[in-house]
Amino acid sequence: MGSLDEGHLCVEIENGMKLSFEKEPETIAIEDSVKVLLQGLGEDVNREGLMKTPLRVAKALREGTTGYKQKVKDIVEGALFPELGLHDGVGHAGGVGGLVIVRDLDMFSYCESCLLPFQLKCHVGYVPSGQRVVGLSKLSRVADVFVKRLQDPQRLADEICSALHHGIKPAGVAVILECLHIRFPNVESVLLDSKHQGWVKVLVSSGSGVFVNENAGAWVDLLGLLKFRGVTVEKILTRDSIKQSWCPSHSSSMAKISSELVAANPDMVAAVASILRSLGEDPLRKELAETPIHFVRWLMKFENSKLEMKLNGFTCGITDLLKSNREVGSHSNKHMHSELNLSFLSQCEHHLLPFYGVVHIGYLCPKGFNHVGRSLLQSIVHFYGFKLQVQERLTRQIAETVSSILGGDIMVVVEANHTCMISRGIKKFGSNTATIAVLGQFATDLTARAMFLQSIPDGTASQIS
């Protein structure tokens, strides 16, 4: 792996060759397109924090689509080993001839409909044949070839299954994918409604040989080994239903392509089409025809905007609350109030990739003070989330704004999962980042800080609620 400090990313490919993306024409073309997108958001591409964003985005996208340049044959050849297997439909003892399965392969891919990354857990099984088994690590590597392309879940499952069937020549191959795609929130509605829309979750499968029949005994064995992971045949979507329920850009509310969006942002739409070409894809391919519009629609949710415009409807009554606070008296015993698990969604300004999680807010107020409504705090969180951000700044901005409303003694904890942690090859699935901001009494009162931290439930950043 190359030095990240030098901004030079190298990707190890199966044959040991390193690909350096930084100076290649495709990378430079993507950088130019990203600058157009940033300018369309009203951002200054020369400001600190954004100057290296075009290069970071270009390298992340090219790393995430290296599968176009890899061949399954190069991976499987040399990894086949002679063992007794299924021959003429007769099994053998000792495990050979029976099912071989690799479970829980954590991966990511890019959705071809909207160009956003999605997470997936891959389960691969096959029944050996012709005295031939394959090194188990190769199942993961073959899957990775197709995962690192623009995809939809069903085609991804089919391509992995077909490639393994032709490469290993087993009695049959089965692939099950558990996929998670972030939803497209409506900015205005979430500012009014504290309930976040969450995730789209789908389960798809593909089978060959002895797995072609969905009622075959081979499926019974495979699903039996996966049932304690929550995978059942009832949850696996049919090929028809997956087309209707996968990418949120195809939902009924999103299906109406906004002519105003295209007319107002023609350069941004053209820039995304240019990115697709630089990745080796054809923007005119049927499945990609609307991808530029879908991605621009997503990105415009994080357009630079003014706080006064967003919070104007929520500040009613705050003056009375502050007046009541002062009348109670600053020397009264203060009591802690808290609002936990306020959901947020944001876009990393370094990689233009989503990050999401929860915000916990604690504040000290005089006895008798009526605590502020959760909806106001959730609206503040959503506003600062819906812009290009870094987590540290998001934490500070929330703390300072809540402090200006409630006066002084504020503690904010942000727990977040960053898709850039998986889509840039680091693959830290399940990890999350926590940041803290303290103002007023919380800055010096260790007891108050400890009390608030102890009130935060475990595992709250694992998914958007």
Protein backbone atom coordinates (compact mmCIF):
# COMPACT_ATOMS: atom_id res chain seq x y z
CA MET A 1 0.00 0.00 0.00
CA GLY A 2 1.40 3.40 -0.93
CA SER A 3 1.88 6.35 1.40
CA LEU A 4 -1.37 8.12 2.20
CA ASP A 5 0.60 11.10 3.53
CA GLU A 6 1.95 11.72 0.03
CA GLY A 7 -1.56 11.44 -1.44
CA HIS A 8 -0.41 8.47 -3.50
CA LEU A 9 -2.65 5.42 -3.37
CA CYS A 10 -1.44 2.09 -4.68
CA VAL A 11 -3.66 -0.94 -4.96
CA GLU A 12 -2.31 -4.47 -4.73
CA ILE A 13 -3.70 -6.66 -7.52
CA GLU A 14 -3.63 -10.46 -7.49
CA ASN A 15 -0.54 -10.81 -9.66
CA GLY A 16 1.43 -8.50 -7.38
CA MET A 17 1.34 -5.57 -9.79
CA LYS A 18 0.69 -2.13 -8.32
CA LEU A 19 -1.56 0.37 -10.01
CA SER A 20 -0.81 4.02 -9.36
CA PHE A 21 -3.82 6.18 -10.14
CA GLU A 22 -2.61 9.67 -9.38
CA LYS A 23 -1.14 10.79 -12.71
CA GLU A 24 -3.33 8.78 -15.06
CA PRO A 25 -5.63 10.68 -17.48
CA GLU A 26 -8.75 9.03 -16.04
CA THR A 27 -7.89 10.32 -12.57
CA ILE A 28 -7.27 13.84 -13.83
CA ALA A 29 -10.60 13.77 -15.72
CA ILE A 30 -12.46 12.71 -12.56
CA GLU A 31 -10.72 15.46 -10.57
CA ASP A 32 -11.92 18.08 -13.06
CA SER A 33 -15.47 16.70 -12.83
CA VAL A 34 -15.43 16.76 -9.02
CA LYS A 35 -14.41 20.43 -9.09
CA VAL A 36 -17.50 21.14 -11.20
CA LEU A 37 -19.67 19.32 -8.65
CA LEU A 38 -18.18 21.25 -5.73
CA GLN A 39 -18.72 24.56 -7.49
CA GLY A 40 -22.30 23.54 -8.22
CA LEU A 41 -22.81 23.11 -4.47
CA GLY A 42 -21.68 26.68 -3.92
CA GLU A 43 -18.35 25.61 -2.45
CA ASP A 44 -14.91 27.16 -2.90
CA VAL A 45 -12.68 24.42 -4.33
CA ASN A 46 -9.63 26.28 -2.99
CA ARG A 47 -10.73 26.43 0.64
CA GLU A 48 -8.93 24.38 3.25
CA GLY A 49 -10.48 20.93 3.47
CA LEU A 50 -11.57 20.84 -0.18
CA MET A 51 -8.31 21.43 -2.04
CA LYS A 52 -7.45 17.71 -2.12
CA THR A 53 -11.04 16.47 -2.35
CA PRO A 54 -11.05 16.04 -6.16
CA LEU A 55 -7.98 13.78 -6.00
CA ARG A 56 -9.32 11.85 -2.99
CA VAL A 57 -12.65 11.24 -4.72
CA ALA A 58 -10.95 10.17 -7.95
CA LYS A 59 -8.73 7.65 -6.18
CA ALA A 60 -11.60 6.28 -4.10
CA LEU A 61 -13.75 5.75 -7.19
CA ARG A 62 -10.96 4.13 -9.17
CA GLU A 63 -9.99 1.88 -6.26
CA GLY A 64 -13.64 0.91 -5.86
CA THR A 65 -13.94 -0.10 -9.52
CA THR A 66 -10.71 -2.05 -10.10
CA GLY A 67 -12.81 -5.14 -10.83
CA TYR A 68 -13.21 -4.03 -14.45
CA LYS A 69 -9.51 -4.76 -14.99
CA GLN A 70 -9.39 -8.13 -13.24
CA LYS A 71 -10.13 -11.61 -14.62
CA VAL A 72 -11.49 -14.55 -12.69
CA LYS A 73 -9.31 -16.93 -14.69
CA ASP A 74 -6.15 -15.28 -13.33
CA ILE A 75 -7.38 -15.84 -9.77
CA VAL A 76 -8.65 -19.41 -10.01
CA GLU A 77 -5.85 -20.90 -12.13
CA GLY A 78 -3.25 -22.45 -9.86
CA ALA A 79 -5.66 -22.52 -6.92
CA LEU A 80 -7.42 -25.79 -7.81
CA PHE A 81 -6.41 -28.82 -5.76
CA PRO A 82 -7.11 -32.56 -6.36
CA GLU A 83 -9.55 -34.04 -3.84
CA LEU A 84 -12.28 -36.67 -4.13
CA GLY A 85 -15.50 -34.92 -4.97
CA LEU A 86 -18.96 -35.53 -6.27
CA HIS A 87 -18.82 -37.82 -9.29
CA ASP A 88 -21.82 -39.10 -11.19
CA GLY A 89 -24.07 -37.82 -8.42
CA VAL A 90 -22.43 -39.92 -5.70
CA GLY A 91 -21.02 -38.17 -2.64
CA HIS A 92 -17.96 -39.13 -0.63
CA ALA A 93 -17.20 -39.09 3.08
CA GLY A 94 -14.81 -36.79 4.90
CA GLY A 95 -16.44 -33.53 3.85
CA VAL A 96 -15.42 -33.73 0.18
CA GLY A 97 -18.34 -34.15 -2.12
CA GLY A 98 -20.46 -32.16 0.32
CA LEU A 99 -21.08 -28.48 0.66
CA VAL A 100 -18.20 -26.03 1.15
CA ILE A 101 -19.27 -22.58 2.32
CA VAL A 102 -17.51 -19.32 3.15
CA ARG A 103 -19.75 -17.04 5.22
CA ASP A 104 -19.85 -13.39 6.21
CA LEU A 105 -17.57 -11.81 3.63
CA ASP A 106 -17.87 -8.06 4.34
CA MET A 107 -17.67 -6.06 1.13
CA PHE A 108 -18.85 -2.87 -0.52
CA SER A 109 -19.84 -1.89 -4.03
CA TYR A 110 -21.12 1.17 -5.88
CA CYS A 111 -24.78 1.30 -6.86
CA GLU A 112 -25.07 1.73 -10.62
CA SER A 113 -28.34 3.66 -10.26
CA CYS A 114 -27.06 6.48 -8.04
CA LEU A 115 -23.26 6.03 -7.70
CA LEU A 116 -23.47 5.77 -3.90
CA PRO A 117 -21.60 2.98 -2.12
CA PHE A 118 -23.57 0.17 -0.52
CA GLN A 119 -22.48 -2.43 1.99
CA LEU A 120 -22.99 -6.14 1.60
CA LYS A 121 -22.35 -9.40 3.37
CA CYS A 122 -21.59 -12.23 0.96
CA HIS A 123 -22.08 -15.98 1.58
CA VAL A 124 -20.66 -18.33 -1.06
CA GLY A 125 -21.10 -22.09 -1.20
CA TYR A 126 -20.23 -24.81 -3.73
CA VAL A 127 -20.32 -28.58 -4.05
CA PRO A 128 -16.98 -29.95 -5.37
CA SER A 129 -16.95 -32.16 -8.44
CA GLY A 130 -14.43 -34.01 -10.55
CA GLN A 131 -11.93 -34.34 -7.70
CA ARG A 132 -11.45 -30.57 -7.76
CA VAL A 133 -11.56 -28.07 -4.86
CA VAL A 134 -10.40 -24.47 -4.79
CA GLY A 135 -8.47 -22.52 -2.17
CA LEU A 136 -11.05 -20.92 0.11
CA SER A 137 -9.54 -17.43 -0.13
CA LYS A 138 -10.19 -17.51 -3.87
CA LEU A 139 -13.96 -17.49 -3.28
CA SER A 140 -13.60 -14.10 -1.65
CA ARG A 141 -11.26 -12.82 -4.33
CA VAL A 142 -13.51 -13.90 -7.16
CA ALA A 143 -16.44 -12.15 -5.47
CA ASP A 144 -14.30 -9.02 -5.10
CA VAL A 145 -13.75 -8.87 -8.87
CA PHE A 146 -17.46 -8.27 -9.43
CA VAL A 147 -18.09 -6.30 -6.27
CA LYS A 148 -15.60 -3.67 -7.45
CA ARG A 149 -17.76 -2.61 -10.35
CA LEU A 150 -20.94 -0.53 -10.60
CA GLN A 151 -23.61 -3.02 -9.57
CA ASP A 152 -27.10 -3.94 -8.49
CA PRO A 153 -27.53 -6.84 -6.02
CA GLN A 154 -29.14 -9.45 -8.26
CA ARG A 155 -26.73 -9.03 -11.14
CA LEU A 156 -23.83 -9.08 -8.68
CA ALA A 157 -25.01 -12.41 -7.22
CA ASP A 158 -25.50 -13.86 -10.71
CA GLU A 159 -22.05 -12.77 -11.91
CA ILE A 160 -20.25 -14.21 -8.88
CA CYS A 161 -22.18 -17.47 -9.22
CA SER A 162 -21.55 -17.81 -12.96
CA ALA A 163 -17.85 -16.98 -12.69
CA LEU A 164 -17.26 -19.54 -9.94
CA HIS A 165 -19.26 -22.20 -11.79
CA HIS A 166 -17.18 -21.79 -14.96
CA GLY A 167 -13.91 -21.35 -13.09
CA ILE A 168 -14.16 -24.29 -10.65
CA LYS A 169 -16.55 -26.51 -12.61
CA PRO A 170 -18.25 -27.82 -9.47
CA ALA A 171 -21.52 -29.68 -9.11
CA GLY A 172 -23.11 -26.37 -8.20
CA VAL A 173 -22.56 -22.88 -6.76
CA ALA A 174 -24.79 -20.80 -4.50
CA VAL A 175 -24.39 -17.11 -3.65
CA ILE A 176 -26.41 -15.16 -1.08
CA LEU A 177 -25.96 -11.42 -0.62
CA GLU A 178 -27.26 -9.27 2.24
CA CYS A 179 -27.18 -5.67 0.98
CA LEU A 180 -27.66 -2.29 2.70
CA HIS A 181 -28.31 0.92 0.74
CA ILE A 182 -28.70 4.32 2.37
CA ARG A 183 -31.99 6.06 1.64
CA PHE A 184 -32.50 9.42 -0.06
CA PRO A 185 -33.85 11.65 2.74
CA ASN A 186 -36.01 14.64 1.96
CA VAL A 187 -34.19 17.53 3.61
CA GLU A 188 -37.23 19.67 4.35
CA SER A 189 -39.27 16.81 5.79
CA VAL A 190 -36.55 15.58 8.14
CA LEU A 191 -36.13 19.10 9.50
CA LEU A 192 -39.77 18.87 10.51
CA ASP A 193 -39.83 15.20 11.47
CA SER A 194 -37.29 13.63 13.83
CA LYS A 195 -37.83 10.14 12.36
CA HIS A 196 -35.09 9.26 9.91
CA GLN A 197 -35.84 7.12 6.89
CA GLY A 198 -32.99 4.67 7.53
CA TRP A 199 -31.84 1.92 5.18
CA VAL A 200 -33.02 -0.21 2.32
CA LYS A 201 -32.17 -3.83 3.13
CA VAL A 202 -32.40 -6.66 0.61
CA LEU A 203 -31.44 -10.33 0.49
CA VAL A 204 -30.80 -11.92 -2.92
CA SER A 205 -29.53 -15.28 -4.13
CA SER A 206 -28.22 -17.04 -7.23
CA GLY A 207 -27.59 -20.74 -7.90
CA SER A 208 -26.14 -23.04 -10.53
CA GLY A 209 -25.95 -26.80 -10.99
CA VAL A 210 -27.44 -28.59 -7.97
CA PHE A 211 -28.59 -25.17 -6.69
CA VAL A 212 -30.71 -24.29 -9.75
CA ASN A 213 -33.79 -25.80 -8.09
CA GLU A 214 -34.64 -23.61 -5.10
CA ASN A 215 -36.18 -26.62 -3.33
CA ALA A 216 -33.12 -28.85 -3.78
CA GLY A 217 -31.44 -30.51 -0.84
CA ALA A 218 -28.27 -28.50 -1.41
CA TRP A 219 -30.19 -25.33 -0.53
CA VAL A 220 -31.49 -26.99 2.64
CA ASP A 221 -27.90 -27.60 3.75
CA LEU A 222 -26.75 -24.09 2.89
CA LEU A 223 -29.67 -22.29 4.51
CA GLY A 224 -29.33 -24.53 7.53
CA LEU A 225 -25.80 -23.24 8.01
CA LEU A 226 -26.97 -19.64 7.61
CA LYS A 227 -30.20 -19.64 9.61
CA PHE A 228 -28.52 -18.57 12.83
CA ARG A 229 -27.34 -15.47 10.91
CA GLY A 230 -30.93 -14.56 10.16
CA VAL A 231 -30.90 -15.77 6.56
CA THR A 232 -34.02 -17.70 5.58
CA VAL A 233 -35.62 -18.53 2.26
CA GLU A 234 -38.64 -16.40 3.19
CA LYS A 235 -36.47 -13.28 3.31
CA ILE A 236 -34.79 -13.77 -0.07
CA LEU A 237 -36.35 -11.46 -2.66
CA THR A 238 -37.45 -12.67 -6.06
CA ARG A 239 -35.82 -11.27 -9.18
CA ASP A 240 -38.91 -9.22 -9.98
CA SER A 241 -39.25 -7.67 -6.53
CA ILE A 242 -35.60 -6.64 -6.26
CA LYS A 243 -35.99 -4.30 -9.22
CA GLN A 244 -38.79 -2.49 -7.44
CA SER A 245 -37.29 -2.28 -3.96
CA TRP A 246 -33.57 -1.71 -4.22
CA CYS A 247 -32.13 1.74 -5.00
CA PRO A 248 -34.13 4.58 -3.38
CA SER A 249 -33.66 6.62 -6.55
CA HIS A 250 -36.28 4.32 -8.13
CA SER A 251 -38.92 4.95 -5.45
CA SER A 252 -42.22 6.48 -6.50
CA SER A 253 -41.25 9.89 -5.10
CA MET A 254 -37.88 9.81 -6.87
CA ALA A 255 -39.00 8.25 -10.15
CA LYS A 256 -40.25 11.57 -11.53
CA ILE A 257 -37.08 13.01 -12.98
CA SER A 258 -36.99 16.71 -12.23
CA SER A 259 -36.51 18.74 -15.41
CA GLU A 260 -35.78 21.72 -13.18
CA LEU A 261 -32.83 19.84 -11.65
CA VAL A 262 -31.32 19.07 -15.05
CA ALA A 263 -31.97 22.58 -16.35
CA ALA A 264 -30.47 24.20 -13.24
CA ASN A 265 -27.43 21.93 -13.05
CA PRO A 266 -26.49 20.83 -16.58
CA ASP A 267 -22.76 21.11 -15.86
CA MET A 268 -23.08 18.90 -12.77
CA VAL A 269 -25.04 16.24 -14.64
CA ALA A 270 -22.46 16.29 -17.45
CA ALA A 271 -19.65 16.03 -14.88
CA VAL A 272 -21.10 12.81 -13.42
CA ALA A 273 -21.46 11.37 -16.93
CA SER A 274 -17.78 12.19 -17.48
CA ILE A 275 -16.90 10.33 -14.25
CA LEU A 276 -18.72 7.24 -15.51
CA ARG A 277 -16.73 7.33 -18.76
CA SER A 278 -13.48 7.72 -16.83
CA LEU A 279 -14.31 4.59 -14.84
CA GLY A 280 -14.67 2.65 -18.09
CA GLU A 281 -18.46 2.65 -18.19
CA ASP A 282 -20.85 3.82 -20.88
CA PRO A 283 -23.18 6.57 -19.55
CA LEU A 284 -25.65 5.62 -22.30
CA ARG A 285 -26.03 2.06 -21.03
CA LYS A 286 -29.67 1.59 -20.07
CA GLU A 287 -28.97 0.99 -16.38
CA LEU A 288 -26.77 4.13 -16.19
CA ALA A 289 -28.89 6.52 -18.26
CA GLU A 290 -30.33 8.29 -15.20
CA THR A 291 -27.41 7.76 -12.82
CA PRO A 292 -25.95 11.28 -13.29
CA ILE A 293 -29.31 12.85 -12.43
CA HIS A 294 -29.78 10.59 -9.41
CA PHE A 295 -26.32 11.38 -8.04
CA VAL A 296 -26.73 15.13 -8.56
CA ARG A 297 -30.11 14.97 -6.80
CA TRP A 298 -28.40 13.28 -3.84
CA LEU A 299 -25.49 15.73 -3.81
CA MET A 300 -27.70 18.83 -3.95
CA LYS A 301 -29.14 17.86 -0.57
CA PHE A 302 -25.82 19.03 0.84
CA GLU A 303 -25.76 22.38 -0.93
CA ASN A 304 -24.19 25.22 1.03
CA SER A 305 -26.96 27.23 2.77
CA LYS A 306 -27.67 29.71 5.55
CA LEU A 307 -28.65 28.69 9.09
CA GLU A 308 -31.21 31.47 9.45
CA MET A 309 -33.20 30.09 6.54
CA LYS A 310 -33.46 26.62 8.09
CA LEU A 311 -34.11 27.38 11.76
CA ASN A 312 -36.49 30.30 11.32
CA GLY A 313 -39.53 28.15 11.97
CA PHE A 314 -38.12 26.55 15.10
CA THR A 315 -36.91 29.55 17.14
CA CYS A 316 -40.38 30.63 18.26
CA GLY A 317 -40.55 30.65 22.03
CA ILE A 318 -36.80 30.38 22.58
CA THR A 319 -36.68 33.99 23.84
CA ASP A 320 -39.28 33.13 26.46
CA LEU A 321 -37.34 30.03 27.46
CA LEU A 322 -34.15 32.03 27.98
CA LYS A 323 -36.05 34.69 29.91
CA SER A 324 -37.52 31.99 32.14
CA ASN A 325 -34.03 30.56 32.61
CA ARG A 326 -32.67 33.90 33.81
CA GLU A 327 -35.63 34.47 36.16
CA VAL A 328 -35.01 31.16 37.89
CA GLY A 329 -31.56 32.44 38.83
CA SER A 330 -28.07 31.49 37.79
CA HIS A 331 -27.12 30.42 41.33
CA SER A 332 -29.79 27.75 41.62
CA ASN A 333 -28.79 24.12 41.59
CA LYS A 334 -28.50 22.96 38.02
CA HIS A 335 -29.95 19.72 36.78
CA MET A 336 -28.88 17.72 33.77
CA HIS A 337 -31.15 17.15 30.82
CA SER A 338 -30.26 15.07 27.80
CA GLU A 339 -31.51 14.06 24.39
CA LEU A 340 -29.96 10.84 23.13
CA ASN A 341 -29.84 9.10 19.76
CA LEU A 342 -30.65 12.05 17.53
CA SER A 343 -30.02 10.60 14.06
CA PHE A 344 -28.01 12.39 11.41
CA LEU A 345 -26.80 11.91 7.86
CA SER A 346 -23.99 13.89 6.30
CA GLN A 347 -21.53 13.93 3.40
CA CYS A 348 -17.77 13.79 4.00
CA GLU A 349 -16.16 16.79 2.35
CA HIS A 350 -12.91 14.90 1.87
CA HIS A 351 -14.33 12.04 -0.24
CA LEU A 352 -17.94 13.05 -1.06
CA LEU A 353 -19.11 9.87 0.65
CA PRO A 354 -21.93 9.59 3.22
CA PHE A 355 -21.34 9.26 6.93
CA TYR A 356 -24.12 8.74 9.43
CA GLY A 357 -24.87 7.99 13.06
CA VAL A 358 -26.33 9.56 16.17
CA VAL A 359 -25.85 12.67 18.27
CA HIS A 360 -26.23 12.85 22.06
CA ILE A 361 -26.76 16.27 23.67
CA GLY A 362 -26.53 17.02 27.39
CA TYR A 363 -27.20 20.40 28.99
CA LEU A 364 -27.32 21.81 32.51
CA CYS A 365 -30.26 24.04 33.44
CA PRO A 366 -31.55 25.60 36.68
CA LYS A 367 -34.13 23.66 38.64
CA GLY A 368 -37.62 24.38 37.31
CA PHE A 369 -36.46 25.03 33.76
CA ASN A 370 -38.59 23.24 31.19
CA HIS A 371 -36.30 21.33 28.89
CA VAL A 372 -36.28 22.25 25.22
CA GLY A 373 -38.19 20.04 22.82
CA ARG A 374 -36.43 17.15 21.08
CA SER A 375 -37.70 18.29 17.69
CA LEU A 376 -35.72 21.54 17.87
CA LEU A 377 -32.48 19.75 18.76
CA GLN A 378 -33.10 17.18 16.02
CA SER A 379 -33.63 20.00 13.53
CA ILE A 380 -30.31 21.59 14.49
CA VAL A 381 -28.57 18.24 14.05
CA HIS A 382 -30.18 17.68 10.65
CA PHE A 383 -29.30 21.14 9.43
CA TYR A 384 -25.61 20.82 10.18
CA GLY A 385 -25.64 17.29 8.81
CA PHE A 386 -27.01 18.32 5.44
CA LYS A 387 -23.86 19.97 4.13
CA LEU A 388 -20.34 18.91 3.27
CA GLN A 389 -18.82 18.16 6.65
CA VAL A 390 -16.13 16.66 8.80
CA GLN A 391 -17.24 15.04 12.03
CA GLU A 392 -15.17 17.29 14.30
CA ARG A 393 -16.70 20.45 12.81
CA LEU A 394 -20.20 18.95 12.94
CA THR A 395 -19.78 18.27 16.66
CA ARG A 396 -18.54 21.78 17.40
CA GLN A 397 -21.26 23.50 15.33
CA ILE A 398 -24.05 21.60 17.08
CA ALA A 399 -22.59 22.41 20.50
CA GLU A 400 -22.19 26.12 19.75
CA THR A 401 -25.69 26.48 18.31
CA VAL A 402 -27.37 24.63 21.19
CA SER A 403 -25.29 26.72 23.60
CA SER A 404 -26.53 29.93 21.99
CA ILE A 405 -30.10 28.76 22.55
CA LEU A 406 -29.86 27.20 26.01
CA GLY A 407 -26.98 29.18 27.39
CA GLY A 408 -23.55 27.81 28.05
CA ASP A 409 -23.38 24.42 29.72
CA ILE A 410 -23.49 21.98 26.82
CA MET A 411 -21.93 18.61 26.01
CA VAL A 412 -22.30 16.97 22.60
CA VAL A 413 -21.18 13.48 21.58
CA VAL A 414 -21.33 12.39 17.94
CA GLU A 415 -20.97 8.71 17.03
CA ALA A 416 -20.58 8.05 13.33
CA ASN A 417 -19.91 5.38 10.74
CA HIS A 418 -17.98 6.57 7.69
CA THR A 419 -18.47 4.83 4.37
CA CYS A 420 -15.05 6.11 3.32
CA MET A 421 -13.60 3.67 5.89
CA ILE A 422 -14.78 0.76 3.77
CA SER A 423 -14.98 2.15 0.24
CA ARG A 424 -11.34 3.29 0.21
CA GLY A 425 -10.01 -0.23 0.78
CA ILE A 426 -9.51 0.08 4.54
CA LYS A 427 -12.49 -2.22 5.17
CA LYS A 428 -13.01 -1.40 8.83
CA PHE A 429 -16.54 -2.79 8.95
CA GLY A 430 -18.35 -2.18 12.21
CA SER A 431 -15.93 0.49 13.42
CA ASN A 432 -17.16 3.95 14.26
CA THR A 433 -15.77 7.31 15.32
CA ALA A 434 -16.80 9.31 18.38
CA THR A 435 -16.16 13.02 18.91
CA ILE A 436 -16.96 15.25 21.90
CA ALA A 437 -17.50 18.98 22.39
CA VAL A 438 -17.86 20.52 25.87
CA LEU A 439 -18.82 24.09 26.78
CA GLY A 440 -19.39 25.90 30.07
CA GLN A 441 -19.53 23.86 33.26
CA PHE A 442 -18.99 20.60 31.35
CA ALA A 443 -15.47 21.81 30.49
CA THR A 444 -14.40 21.70 34.16
CA ASP A 445 -16.90 19.40 35.89
CA LEU A 446 -15.58 15.85 35.43
CA THR A 447 -18.47 14.41 37.43
CA ALA A 448 -21.06 15.96 35.12
CA ARG A 449 -19.19 14.72 32.05
CA ALA A 450 -18.95 11.18 33.43
CA MET A 451 -22.64 11.17 34.35
CA PHE A 452 -23.67 12.20 30.84
CA LEU A 453 -21.35 9.69 29.14
CA GLN A 454 -22.71 6.89 31.31
CA SER A 455 -26.23 7.68 30.10
CA ILE A 456 -25.34 6.96 26.45
CA PRO A 457 -26.47 3.47 25.40
CA ASP A 458 -24.04 1.04 23.78
CA GLY A 459 -23.91 0.42 20.02
CA THR A 460 -26.01 3.42 19.05
CA ALA A 461 -23.99 4.33 15.94
CA SER A 462 -24.34 0.96 14.22
CA GLN A 463 -27.21 2.11 12.02
CA ILE A 464 -29.53 5.01 11.38
CA SER A 465 -32.66 4.69 13.47
